Amino acid sequence: MLKALFGRKKTVIPKPGVPENVRVYAVGDIHGRIDLLQDLHRQIVDDAAVAAVRCVVVYLGDYIDRG
């Protein structure tokens, strides 16, 4: 019985990370600053246009300022 409990192989859990050939753009809180977000979008588009990889944009946080 003990061998059955402790003799099992451990499950391999992959380490978190970004796969090869993927570029991630992480955008933090913009606090209602559409002007800065639009500028950032232009920069991302320009950068992604020359990247030979898959590009992903992830938005984190708030889109609007409190109130």
C-alpha atoms as a PDB file:
ATOM      1  CA  MET A   1       0.000   0.000   0.000  1.00  0.00           C
ATOM      2  CA  LEU A   2       2.798   2.468   0.875  1.00  0.00           C
ATOM      3  CA  LYS A   3       4.506   1.776  -2.438  1.00  0.00           C
ATOM      4  CA  ALA A   4       1.257   2.568  -4.235  1.00  0.00           C
ATOM      5  CA  LEU A   5       1.042   5.929  -2.450  1.00  0.00           C
ATOM      6  CA  PHE A   6       4.675   7.000  -2.707  1.00  0.00           C
ATOM      7  CA  GLY A   7       5.771   5.162  -5.839  1.00  0.00           C
ATOM      8  CA  ARG A   8       3.782   7.381  -8.222  1.00  0.00           C
ATOM      9  CA  LYS A   9       5.561   9.680 -10.610  1.00  0.00           C
ATOM     10  CA  LYS A  10       5.223  13.346  -9.856  1.00  0.00           C
ATOM     11  CA  THR A  11       3.168  15.428 -12.241  1.00  0.00           C
ATOM     12  CA  VAL A  12       5.356  17.845 -14.168  1.00  0.00           C
ATOM     13  CA  ILE A  13       3.942  21.348 -14.019  1.00  0.00           C
ATOM     14  CA  PRO A  14       5.332  23.669 -16.689  1.00  0.00           C
ATOM     15  CA  LYS A  15       7.001  26.844 -15.484  1.00  0.00           C
ATOM     16  CA  PRO A  16       5.112  30.040 -16.306  1.00  0.00           C
ATOM     17  CA  GLY A  17       6.584  32.189 -19.024  1.00  0.00           C
ATOM     18  CA  VAL A  18       6.178  33.561 -22.495  1.00  0.00           C
ATOM     19  CA  PRO A  19       6.658  31.032 -25.292  1.00  0.00           C
ATOM     20  CA  GLU A  20       9.414  31.564 -27.817  1.00  0.00           C
ATOM     21  CA  ASN A  21       8.412  33.658 -30.830  1.00  0.00           C
ATOM     22  CA  VAL A  22       5.842  35.604 -28.786  1.00  0.00           C
ATOM     23  CA  ARG A  23       6.147  39.234 -27.694  1.00  0.00           C
ATOM     24  CA  VAL A  24       3.840  40.489 -24.948  1.00  0.00           C
ATOM     25  CA  TYR A  25       2.989  44.147 -24.409  1.00  0.00           C
ATOM     26  CA  ALA A  26       1.542  44.659 -20.931  1.00  0.00           C
ATOM     27  CA  VAL A  27      -0.358  47.925 -20.443  1.00  0.00           C
ATOM     28  CA  GLY A  28      -0.919  49.057 -16.861  1.00  0.00           C
ATOM     29  CA  ASP A  29      -3.501  51.450 -15.430  1.00  0.00           C
ATOM     30  CA  ILE A  30      -4.209  54.331 -17.805  1.00  0.00           C
ATOM     31  CA  HIS A  31      -6.364  56.319 -15.366  1.00  0.00           C
ATOM     32  CA  GLY A  32      -8.506  57.883 -18.065  1.00  0.00           C
ATOM     33  CA  ARG A  33      -5.530  59.186 -20.110  1.00  0.00           C
ATOM     34  CA  ILE A  34      -6.758  58.375 -23.620  1.00  0.00           C
ATOM     35  CA  ASP A  35      -3.995  60.582 -25.058  1.00  0.00           C
ATOM     36  CA  LEU A  36      -1.305  58.417 -23.488  1.00  0.00           C
ATOM     37  CA  LEU A  37      -3.104  55.206 -24.464  1.00  0.00           C
ATOM     38  CA  GLN A  38      -3.341  56.332 -28.088  1.00  0.00           C
ATOM     39  CA  ASP A  39       0.365  57.175 -28.104  1.00  0.00           C
ATOM     40  CA  LEU A  40       1.171  53.797 -26.579  1.00  0.00           C
ATOM     41  CA  HIS A  41      -0.959  52.031 -29.215  1.00  0.00           C
ATOM     42  CA  ARG A  42       1.011  53.793 -31.962  1.00  0.00           C
ATOM     43  CA  GLN A  43       4.275  52.672 -30.377  1.00  0.00           C
ATOM     44  CA  ILE A  44       3.041  49.088 -30.100  1.00  0.00           C
ATOM     45  CA  VAL A  45       1.874  49.030 -33.723  1.00  0.00           C
ATOM     46  CA  ASP A  46       5.214  50.423 -34.916  1.00  0.00           C
ATOM     47  CA  ASP A  47       7.189  47.925 -32.847  1.00  0.00           C
ATOM     48  CA  ALA A  48       4.997  44.960 -33.796  1.00  0.00           C
ATOM     49  CA  ALA A  49       5.266  45.819 -37.501  1.00  0.00           C
ATOM     50  CA  VAL A  50       8.976  44.946 -37.504  1.00  0.00           C
ATOM     51  CA  ALA A  51       8.741  42.016 -35.077  1.00  0.00           C
ATOM     52  CA  ALA A  52       9.060  38.590 -36.635  1.00  0.00           C
ATOM     53  CA  VAL A  53       7.017  37.085 -33.814  1.00  0.00           C
ATOM     54  CA  ARG A  54       3.412  36.815 -32.668  1.00  0.00           C
ATOM     55  CA  CYS A  55       2.451  39.911 -30.660  1.00  0.00           C
ATOM     56  CA  VAL A  56      -0.068  39.972 -27.822  1.00  0.00           C
ATOM     57  CA  VAL A  57      -1.351  43.031 -25.951  1.00  0.00           C
ATOM     58  CA  VAL A  58      -2.553  42.518 -22.366  1.00  0.00           C
ATOM     59  CA  TYR A  59      -4.378  45.272 -20.469  1.00  0.00           C
ATOM     60  CA  LEU A  60      -3.975  45.323 -16.688  1.00  0.00           C
ATOM     61  CA  GLY A  61      -5.786  47.566 -14.256  1.00  0.00           C
ATOM     62  CA  ASP A  62      -8.320  50.325 -14.750  1.00  0.00           C
ATOM     63  CA  TYR A  63      -9.391  51.962 -17.989  1.00  0.00           C
ATOM     64  CA  ILE A  64     -10.880  55.009 -16.306  1.00  0.00           C
ATOM     65  CA  ASP A  65      -9.943  57.159 -13.359  1.00  0.00           C
ATOM     66  CA  ARG A  66     -11.975  56.878 -10.180  1.00  0.00           C
ATOM     67  CA  GLY A  67     -15.032  59.058 -10.414  1.00  0.00           C
END
